[in-house]
């Protein structure tokens, strides 16, 4: 007798999707940082770093691809009044994205001032991947730090009860 496994609730699936997306964003930040480093070094990356770039790209696809497909498939078949599940992780992801946008905007203003004063002479091939690495890194780290702080707060509340 085969027992059918109940499908994972949409909220849990979406939380897993957000967690894996944040990990993927961090890995992508590393990839852009390597690209910026390669461009600023004005030469080829050592062979090991080239392989690291490819390994990171493959890891991102393996990590985020299947869960993205699962969420897409479930959203198409899931009848709901809302587009996305609302919850702590969704809110945390939105806050992290806002922090990353704000940080990137401030960094762009600072870079603009430095470039106008000719304090730095970086080509766009270095600045763009560095900004992308900064943006994705801030978003992913902010997401995980928010979750870490909330987990600690919940534990402290349980001890007090």
N, C-alpha and C. Protein backbone atom coordinates (compact mmCIF):
# COMPACT_ATOMS: atom_id res chain seq x y z
N UNK A 1 0.83 -1.17 0.00
CA UNK A 1 0.00 0.00 0.00
C UNK A 1 0.89 1.24 0.00
N UNK A 2 0.77 2.04 -1.02
CA UNK A 2 1.60 3.23 -1.09
C UNK A 2 0.87 4.41 -0.45
N UNK A 3 1.60 5.11 0.36
CA UNK A 3 1.03 6.25 1.07
C UNK A 3 1.48 7.53 0.38
N UNK A 4 0.52 8.33 -0.08
CA UNK A 4 0.86 9.59 -0.74
C UNK A 4 1.31 10.60 0.29
N UNK A 5 2.41 11.23 0.00
CA UNK A 5 2.94 12.26 0.88
C UNK A 5 2.16 13.55 0.63
N UNK A 6 1.74 14.19 1.70
CA UNK A 6 0.99 15.44 1.57
C UNK A 6 1.92 16.51 1.00
N UNK A 7 1.42 17.33 0.09
CA UNK A 7 2.28 18.37 -0.47
C UNK A 7 2.69 19.38 0.60
N UNK A 8 3.87 19.89 0.43
CA UNK A 8 4.40 20.89 1.36
C UNK A 8 3.52 22.14 1.29
N UNK A 9 3.14 22.70 2.44
CA UNK A 9 2.33 23.92 2.41
C UNK A 9 3.04 25.03 1.62
N UNK A 10 2.27 25.83 0.93
CA UNK A 10 2.82 26.89 0.08
C UNK A 10 3.70 27.86 0.87
N UNK A 11 3.30 28.17 2.10
CA UNK A 11 4.09 29.10 2.91
C UNK A 11 5.48 28.53 3.20
N UNK A 12 5.56 27.23 3.51
CA UNK A 12 6.86 26.60 3.76
C UNK A 12 7.70 26.56 2.50
N UNK A 13 7.07 26.22 1.39
CA UNK A 13 7.78 26.18 0.12
C UNK A 13 8.34 27.56 -0.21
N UNK A 14 7.54 28.59 0.01
CA UNK A 14 7.97 29.95 -0.29
C UNK A 14 9.09 30.39 0.66
N UNK A 15 9.05 29.97 1.92
CA UNK A 15 10.14 30.27 2.85
C UNK A 15 11.44 29.62 2.40
N UNK A 16 11.35 28.36 1.96
CA UNK A 16 12.55 27.68 1.43
C UNK A 16 13.07 28.41 0.21
N UNK A 17 12.16 28.86 -0.65
CA UNK A 17 12.53 29.61 -1.84
C UNK A 17 13.27 30.90 -1.46
N UNK A 18 12.77 31.62 -0.48
CA UNK A 18 13.42 32.87 -0.05
C UNK A 18 14.80 32.60 0.55
N UNK A 19 14.91 31.55 1.36
CA UNK A 19 16.21 31.22 1.95
C UNK A 19 17.23 30.84 0.88
N UNK A 20 16.81 30.01 -0.06
CA UNK A 20 17.73 29.62 -1.13
C UNK A 20 18.05 30.79 -2.05
N UNK A 21 17.09 31.66 -2.27
CA UNK A 21 17.34 32.85 -3.08
C UNK A 21 18.39 33.73 -2.42
N UNK A 22 18.30 33.88 -1.10
CA UNK A 22 19.27 34.70 -0.38
C UNK A 22 20.67 34.07 -0.45
N UNK A 23 20.74 32.76 -0.34
CA UNK A 23 22.04 32.08 -0.48
C UNK A 23 22.56 32.27 -1.89
N UNK A 24 21.68 32.13 -2.88
CA UNK A 24 22.07 32.35 -4.27
C UNK A 24 22.56 33.77 -4.50
N UNK A 25 21.89 34.75 -3.87
CA UNK A 25 22.32 36.15 -4.00
C UNK A 25 23.71 36.34 -3.41
N UNK A 26 23.99 35.69 -2.28
CA UNK A 26 25.32 35.80 -1.68
C UNK A 26 26.38 35.19 -2.60
N UNK A 27 26.07 34.03 -3.15
CA UNK A 27 27.02 33.40 -4.08
C UNK A 27 27.22 34.25 -5.33
N UNK A 28 26.16 34.86 -5.81
CA UNK A 28 26.26 35.75 -6.96
C UNK A 28 27.10 36.98 -6.62
N UNK A 29 26.98 37.47 -5.38
CA UNK A 29 27.81 38.59 -4.93
C UNK A 29 29.29 38.19 -4.98
N UNK A 30 29.59 36.97 -4.55
CA UNK A 30 30.98 36.48 -4.63
C UNK A 30 31.45 36.42 -6.08
N UNK A 31 30.58 35.98 -6.96
CA UNK A 31 30.91 35.89 -8.38
C UNK A 31 31.22 37.27 -8.95
N UNK A 32 30.38 38.26 -8.64
CA UNK A 32 30.63 39.62 -9.12
C UNK A 32 31.89 40.21 -8.48
N UNK A 33 32.15 39.88 -7.23
CA UNK A 33 33.37 40.36 -6.58
C UNK A 33 34.61 39.79 -7.28
N UNK A 34 34.56 38.52 -7.64
CA UNK A 34 35.67 37.92 -8.39
C UNK A 34 35.85 38.61 -9.74
N UNK A 35 34.74 38.93 -10.40
CA UNK A 35 34.80 39.62 -11.69
C UNK A 35 35.43 41.00 -11.53
N UNK A 36 35.01 41.74 -10.50
CA UNK A 36 35.59 43.07 -10.25
C UNK A 36 37.07 42.95 -9.95
N UNK A 37 37.45 41.93 -9.16
CA UNK A 37 38.86 41.72 -8.84
C UNK A 37 39.65 41.42 -10.11
N UNK A 38 39.10 40.57 -10.95
CA UNK A 38 39.77 40.22 -12.21
C UNK A 38 39.97 41.46 -13.08
N UNK A 39 38.95 42.31 -13.18
CA UNK A 39 39.04 43.51 -14.00
C UNK A 39 40.02 44.52 -13.41
N UNK A 40 40.05 44.63 -12.09
CA UNK A 40 40.96 45.60 -11.47
C UNK A 40 42.40 45.12 -11.51
N UNK A 41 42.60 43.82 -11.55
CA UNK A 41 43.95 43.28 -11.62
C UNK A 41 44.53 43.39 -13.03
N UNK A 42 43.67 43.75 -13.99
CA UNK A 42 44.09 43.93 -15.39
C UNK A 42 44.83 42.71 -15.91
N UNK A 43 44.34 41.57 -15.54
CA UNK A 43 44.94 40.34 -16.02
C UNK A 43 44.00 39.18 -15.80
N UNK A 44 44.48 38.04 -16.13
CA UNK A 44 43.68 36.84 -15.97
C UNK A 44 43.70 36.38 -14.52
N UNK A 45 42.59 35.84 -14.11
CA UNK A 45 42.55 35.23 -12.79
C UNK A 45 43.38 33.95 -12.83
N UNK A 46 43.98 33.60 -11.70
CA UNK A 46 44.66 32.31 -11.66
C UNK A 46 43.68 31.19 -11.99
N UNK A 47 44.19 30.10 -12.49
CA UNK A 47 43.34 28.99 -12.92
C UNK A 47 42.35 28.54 -11.86
N UNK A 48 42.78 28.49 -10.61
CA UNK A 48 41.89 28.03 -9.54
C UNK A 48 40.69 28.96 -9.37
N UNK A 49 40.91 30.26 -9.54
CA UNK A 49 39.80 31.21 -9.39
C UNK A 49 38.84 31.12 -10.57
N UNK A 50 39.35 30.83 -11.76
CA UNK A 50 38.46 30.63 -12.91
C UNK A 50 37.54 29.44 -12.66
N UNK A 51 38.11 28.36 -12.12
CA UNK A 51 37.29 27.20 -11.79
C UNK A 51 36.31 27.52 -10.67
N UNK A 52 36.73 28.35 -9.73
CA UNK A 52 35.83 28.76 -8.64
C UNK A 52 34.64 29.54 -9.19
N UNK A 53 34.89 30.42 -10.17
CA UNK A 53 33.79 31.16 -10.80
C UNK A 53 32.77 30.21 -11.42
N UNK A 54 33.27 29.23 -12.15
CA UNK A 54 32.37 28.27 -12.80
C UNK A 54 31.64 27.42 -11.77
N UNK A 55 32.33 27.01 -10.72
CA UNK A 55 31.71 26.20 -9.68
C UNK A 55 30.61 26.98 -8.96
N UNK A 56 30.86 28.26 -8.69
CA UNK A 56 29.85 29.09 -8.03
C UNK A 56 28.62 29.23 -8.93
N UNK A 57 28.84 29.47 -10.21
CA UNK A 57 27.71 29.61 -11.15
C UNK A 57 26.88 28.33 -11.21
N UNK A 58 27.54 27.19 -11.26
CA UNK A 58 26.82 25.90 -11.29
C UNK A 58 26.08 25.68 -9.98
N UNK A 59 26.72 26.02 -8.87
CA UNK A 59 26.09 25.86 -7.56
C UNK A 59 24.83 26.71 -7.43
N UNK A 60 24.88 27.93 -7.96
CA UNK A 60 23.70 28.81 -7.92
C UNK A 60 22.54 28.16 -8.69
N UNK A 61 22.84 27.63 -9.86
CA UNK A 61 21.80 26.99 -10.67
C UNK A 61 21.22 25.77 -9.96
N UNK A 62 22.09 24.94 -9.37
CA UNK A 62 21.63 23.75 -8.67
C UNK A 62 20.82 24.11 -7.43
N UNK A 63 21.23 25.16 -6.74
CA UNK A 63 20.59 25.55 -5.49
C UNK A 63 19.25 26.24 -5.71
N UNK A 64 19.20 27.17 -6.65
CA UNK A 64 18.01 28.01 -6.82
C UNK A 64 17.08 27.50 -7.92
N UNK A 65 17.61 26.87 -8.94
CA UNK A 65 16.79 26.43 -10.07
C UNK A 65 15.62 25.53 -9.71
N UNK A 66 15.86 24.41 -9.03
CA UNK A 66 14.74 23.49 -8.73
C UNK A 66 13.65 24.12 -7.85
N UNK A 67 14.04 24.88 -6.84
CA UNK A 67 13.03 25.48 -5.95
C UNK A 67 12.24 26.55 -6.69
N UNK A 68 12.89 27.26 -7.60
CA UNK A 68 12.18 28.26 -8.40
C UNK A 68 11.13 27.58 -9.26
N UNK A 69 11.49 26.47 -9.86
CA UNK A 69 10.54 25.71 -10.68
C UNK A 69 9.38 25.20 -9.83
N UNK A 70 9.68 24.69 -8.62
CA UNK A 70 8.62 24.20 -7.74
C UNK A 70 7.64 25.31 -7.36
N UNK A 71 8.17 26.48 -7.01
CA UNK A 71 7.31 27.60 -6.63
C UNK A 71 6.46 28.03 -7.83
N UNK A 72 7.07 28.12 -8.99
CA UNK A 72 6.34 28.52 -10.19
C UNK A 72 5.21 27.53 -10.49
N UNK A 73 5.54 26.24 -10.43
CA UNK A 73 4.54 25.21 -10.71
C UNK A 73 3.40 25.25 -9.69
N UNK A 74 3.74 25.40 -8.41
CA UNK A 74 2.71 25.45 -7.37
C UNK A 74 1.86 26.71 -7.48
N UNK A 75 2.47 27.84 -7.82
CA UNK A 75 1.71 29.09 -7.96
C UNK A 75 0.69 28.98 -9.08
N UNK A 76 1.05 28.28 -10.14
CA UNK A 76 0.12 28.12 -11.26
C UNK A 76 -1.06 27.23 -10.88
N UNK A 77 -0.84 26.26 -10.00
CA UNK A 77 -1.91 25.34 -9.63
C UNK A 77 -2.57 25.70 -8.29
N UNK A 78 -1.98 26.63 -7.56
CA UNK A 78 -2.46 27.00 -6.23
C UNK A 78 -3.51 28.10 -6.35
N UNK A 79 -4.71 27.82 -5.86
CA UNK A 79 -5.78 28.81 -5.90
C UNK A 79 -5.74 29.58 -4.58
N UNK A 80 -5.50 30.89 -4.69
CA UNK A 80 -5.39 31.71 -3.49
C UNK A 80 -5.84 33.12 -3.81
N UNK A 81 -6.18 33.84 -2.76
CA UNK A 81 -6.58 35.24 -2.95
C UNK A 81 -5.38 36.17 -2.97
N UNK A 82 -4.22 35.68 -2.56
CA UNK A 82 -3.02 36.53 -2.58
C UNK A 82 -1.98 35.91 -3.50
N UNK A 83 -1.11 36.75 -4.04
CA UNK A 83 -0.09 36.27 -4.97
C UNK A 83 1.05 35.56 -4.25
N UNK A 84 1.47 36.09 -3.11
CA UNK A 84 2.59 35.53 -2.37
C UNK A 84 2.19 35.35 -0.92
N UNK A 85 2.68 34.27 -0.30
CA UNK A 85 2.40 34.11 1.12
C UNK A 85 3.04 35.26 1.91
N UNK A 86 2.29 35.76 2.87
CA UNK A 86 2.84 36.81 3.72
C UNK A 86 3.37 36.14 4.97
N UNK A 87 4.50 36.61 5.45
CA UNK A 87 5.07 36.04 6.65
C UNK A 87 6.33 36.78 7.02
N UNK A 88 6.97 36.27 8.06
CA UNK A 88 8.17 36.93 8.55
C UNK A 88 9.27 36.95 7.50
N UNK A 89 9.50 35.81 6.84
CA UNK A 89 10.59 35.76 5.87
C UNK A 89 10.33 36.66 4.67
N UNK A 90 9.10 36.75 4.25
CA UNK A 90 8.77 37.64 3.14
C UNK A 90 9.05 39.08 3.53
N UNK A 91 8.63 39.46 4.73
CA UNK A 91 8.87 40.81 5.23
C UNK A 91 10.36 41.06 5.39
N UNK A 92 11.08 40.08 5.91
CA UNK A 92 12.53 40.20 6.09
C UNK A 92 13.24 40.35 4.75
N UNK A 93 12.79 39.61 3.75
CA UNK A 93 13.39 39.70 2.42
C UNK A 93 13.16 41.09 1.82
N UNK A 94 11.96 41.63 2.02
CA UNK A 94 11.66 42.97 1.52
C UNK A 94 12.50 44.03 2.23
N UNK A 95 12.68 43.89 3.55
CA UNK A 95 13.52 44.84 4.29
C UNK A 95 14.96 44.76 3.82
N UNK A 96 15.45 43.54 3.59
CA UNK A 96 16.82 43.36 3.12
C UNK A 96 17.02 44.00 1.75
N UNK A 97 16.04 43.85 0.88
CA UNK A 97 16.12 44.47 -0.45
C UNK A 97 16.14 46.00 -0.33
N UNK A 98 15.35 46.53 0.59
CA UNK A 98 15.33 47.98 0.79
C UNK A 98 16.67 48.48 1.34
N UNK A 99 17.25 47.74 2.27
CA UNK A 99 18.56 48.13 2.81
C UNK A 99 19.63 48.09 1.71
N UNK A 100 19.58 47.06 0.88
CA UNK A 100 20.56 46.95 -0.20
C UNK A 100 20.40 48.10 -1.18
N UNK A 101 19.16 48.44 -1.52
CA UNK A 101 18.93 49.56 -2.42
C UNK A 101 19.44 50.86 -1.82
N UNK A 102 19.14 51.10 -0.55
CA UNK A 102 19.58 52.32 0.12
C UNK A 102 21.11 52.38 0.18
N UNK A 103 21.73 51.27 0.56
CA UNK A 103 23.19 51.24 0.62
C UNK A 103 23.83 51.46 -0.73
N UNK A 104 23.28 50.85 -1.76
CA UNK A 104 23.81 51.03 -3.11
C UNK A 104 23.63 52.46 -3.60
N UNK A 105 22.50 53.06 -3.26
CA UNK A 105 22.25 54.44 -3.67
C UNK A 105 23.26 55.38 -3.01
N UNK A 106 23.52 55.17 -1.72
CA UNK A 106 24.52 55.99 -1.02
C UNK A 106 25.89 55.77 -1.62
N UNK A 107 26.23 54.52 -1.90
CA UNK A 107 27.53 54.21 -2.50
C UNK A 107 27.67 54.85 -3.88
N UNK A 108 26.60 54.86 -4.66
CA UNK A 108 26.63 55.52 -5.97
C UNK A 108 26.88 57.02 -5.83
N UNK A 109 26.26 57.64 -4.85
CA UNK A 109 26.49 59.08 -4.62
C UNK A 109 27.94 59.34 -4.24
N UNK A 110 28.48 58.53 -3.34
CA UNK A 110 29.89 58.68 -2.94
C UNK A 110 30.81 58.46 -4.13
N UNK A 111 30.55 57.42 -4.92
CA UNK A 111 31.38 57.16 -6.10
C UNK A 111 31.29 58.30 -7.11
N UNK A 112 30.11 58.86 -7.27
CA UNK A 112 29.94 59.98 -8.18
C UNK A 112 30.80 61.16 -7.75
N UNK A 113 30.79 61.47 -6.46
CA UNK A 113 31.61 62.57 -5.95
C UNK A 113 33.09 62.27 -6.15
N UNK A 114 33.51 61.05 -5.84
CA UNK A 114 34.92 60.69 -6.00
C UNK A 114 35.35 60.74 -7.46
N UNK A 115 34.49 60.28 -8.36
CA UNK A 115 34.84 60.30 -9.78
C UNK A 115 34.88 61.73 -10.33
N UNK A 116 33.98 62.60 -9.85
CA UNK A 116 33.99 64.00 -10.29
C UNK A 116 35.26 64.71 -9.83
N UNK A 117 35.72 64.38 -8.64
CA UNK A 117 36.94 65.00 -8.11
C UNK A 117 38.19 64.27 -8.58
N UNK A 118 37.97 63.26 -9.40
CA UNK A 118 39.06 62.44 -9.94
C UNK A 118 39.92 61.83 -8.84
N UNK A 119 39.28 61.51 -7.72
CA UNK A 119 39.98 60.88 -6.60
C UNK A 119 40.24 59.40 -6.89
N UNK A 120 39.40 58.82 -7.72
CA UNK A 120 39.60 57.43 -8.14
C UNK A 120 39.52 57.37 -9.65
N UNK A 121 40.21 56.43 -10.21
CA UNK A 121 40.21 56.27 -11.66
C UNK A 121 39.90 54.81 -11.99
N UNK A 122 38.68 54.41 -11.67
CA UNK A 122 38.27 53.04 -11.91
C UNK A 122 37.42 52.96 -13.16
N UNK A 123 37.67 51.98 -14.00
CA UNK A 123 36.82 51.82 -15.19
C UNK A 123 35.46 51.22 -14.80
N UNK A 124 34.51 51.39 -15.68
CA UNK A 124 33.16 50.85 -15.44
C UNK A 124 33.20 49.33 -15.29
N UNK A 125 34.17 48.68 -15.94
CA UNK A 125 34.29 47.22 -15.86
C UNK A 125 34.62 46.76 -14.44
N UNK A 126 35.11 47.67 -13.60
CA UNK A 126 35.38 47.35 -12.19
C UNK A 126 34.21 47.83 -11.32
N UNK A 127 33.73 49.04 -11.60
CA UNK A 127 32.70 49.64 -10.75
C UNK A 127 31.39 48.87 -10.80
N UNK A 128 30.94 48.50 -11.98
CA UNK A 128 29.63 47.84 -12.11
C UNK A 128 29.60 46.50 -11.37
N UNK A 129 30.55 45.58 -11.61
CA UNK A 129 30.49 44.32 -10.85
C UNK A 129 30.69 44.53 -9.34
N UNK A 130 31.50 45.53 -8.97
CA UNK A 130 31.69 45.80 -7.54
C UNK A 130 30.39 46.29 -6.90
N UNK A 131 29.66 47.16 -7.61
CA UNK A 131 28.37 47.63 -7.10
C UNK A 131 27.36 46.49 -7.00
N UNK A 132 27.33 45.64 -8.00
CA UNK A 132 26.43 44.49 -7.96
C UNK A 132 26.78 43.55 -6.80
N UNK A 133 28.08 43.34 -6.60
CA UNK A 133 28.53 42.50 -5.48
C UNK A 133 28.11 43.11 -4.16
N UNK A 134 28.27 44.43 -4.03
CA UNK A 134 27.88 45.13 -2.81
C UNK A 134 26.38 44.99 -2.58
N UNK A 135 25.59 45.27 -3.60
CA UNK A 135 24.14 45.24 -3.48
C UNK A 135 23.64 43.85 -3.09
N UNK A 136 24.08 42.83 -3.79
CA UNK A 136 23.64 41.47 -3.51
C UNK A 136 24.16 40.97 -2.15
N UNK A 137 25.40 41.36 -1.83
CA UNK A 137 25.96 40.97 -0.54
C UNK A 137 25.21 41.58 0.63
N UNK A 138 24.91 42.88 0.53
CA UNK A 138 24.16 43.55 1.59
C UNK A 138 22.77 42.93 1.73
N UNK A 139 22.10 42.68 0.63
CA UNK A 139 20.75 42.11 0.68
C UNK A 139 20.76 40.74 1.34
N UNK A 140 21.67 39.87 0.93
CA UNK A 140 21.67 38.52 1.48
C UNK A 140 22.11 38.50 2.94
N UNK A 141 23.15 39.25 3.28
CA UNK A 141 23.60 39.27 4.67
C UNK A 141 22.57 39.92 5.58
N UNK A 142 21.93 40.97 5.11
CA UNK A 142 20.87 41.61 5.90
C UNK A 142 19.72 40.64 6.16
N UNK A 143 19.34 39.89 5.14
CA UNK A 143 18.27 38.90 5.28
C UNK A 143 18.63 37.87 6.35
N UNK A 144 19.85 37.33 6.29
CA UNK A 144 20.23 36.30 7.25
C UNK A 144 20.43 36.87 8.65
N UNK A 145 20.97 38.08 8.77
CA UNK A 145 21.13 38.69 10.09
C UNK A 145 19.78 39.00 10.73
N UNK A 146 18.83 39.46 9.94
CA UNK A 146 17.47 39.69 10.46
C UNK A 146 16.88 38.40 11.00
N UNK A 147 17.05 37.32 10.27
CA UNK A 147 16.51 36.04 10.70
C UNK A 147 17.22 35.52 11.93
N UNK A 148 18.53 35.74 12.01
CA UNK A 148 19.31 35.30 13.17
C UNK A 148 18.87 36.07 14.41
N UNK A 149 18.70 37.39 14.28
CA UNK A 149 18.27 38.21 15.41
C UNK A 149 16.88 37.80 15.86
N UNK A 150 15.98 37.52 14.94
CA UNK A 150 14.62 37.14 15.30
C UNK A 150 14.61 35.78 16.00
N UNK A 151 15.43 34.85 15.54
CA UNK A 151 15.50 33.54 16.18
C UNK A 151 15.97 33.67 17.62
N UNK A 152 16.97 34.54 17.86
CA UNK A 152 17.47 34.76 19.21
C UNK A 152 16.39 35.40 20.08
N UNK A 153 15.62 36.35 19.54
CA UNK A 153 14.56 37.01 20.30
C UNK A 153 13.48 36.01 20.70
N UNK A 154 13.08 35.13 19.80
CA UNK A 154 12.06 34.14 20.10
C UNK A 154 12.52 33.21 21.21
N UNK A 155 13.80 32.84 21.19
CA UNK A 155 14.33 31.94 22.19
C UNK A 155 14.33 32.63 23.56
N UNK A 156 14.69 33.90 23.61
CA UNK A 156 14.71 34.64 24.87
C UNK A 156 13.30 34.76 25.43
N UNK A 157 12.30 34.98 24.58
CA UNK A 157 10.91 35.08 25.03
C UNK A 157 10.43 33.76 25.60
N UNK A 158 10.85 32.64 25.01
CA UNK A 158 10.43 31.33 25.49
C UNK A 158 11.01 31.05 26.87
N UNK A 159 12.26 31.49 27.12
CA UNK A 159 12.88 31.27 28.42
C UNK A 159 12.18 32.07 29.50
N UNK A 160 11.71 33.29 29.18
CA UNK A 160 11.04 34.14 30.15
C UNK A 160 9.68 33.60 30.55
N UNK A 161 9.04 32.85 29.68
CA UNK A 161 7.67 32.38 29.94
C UNK A 161 7.63 31.32 31.02
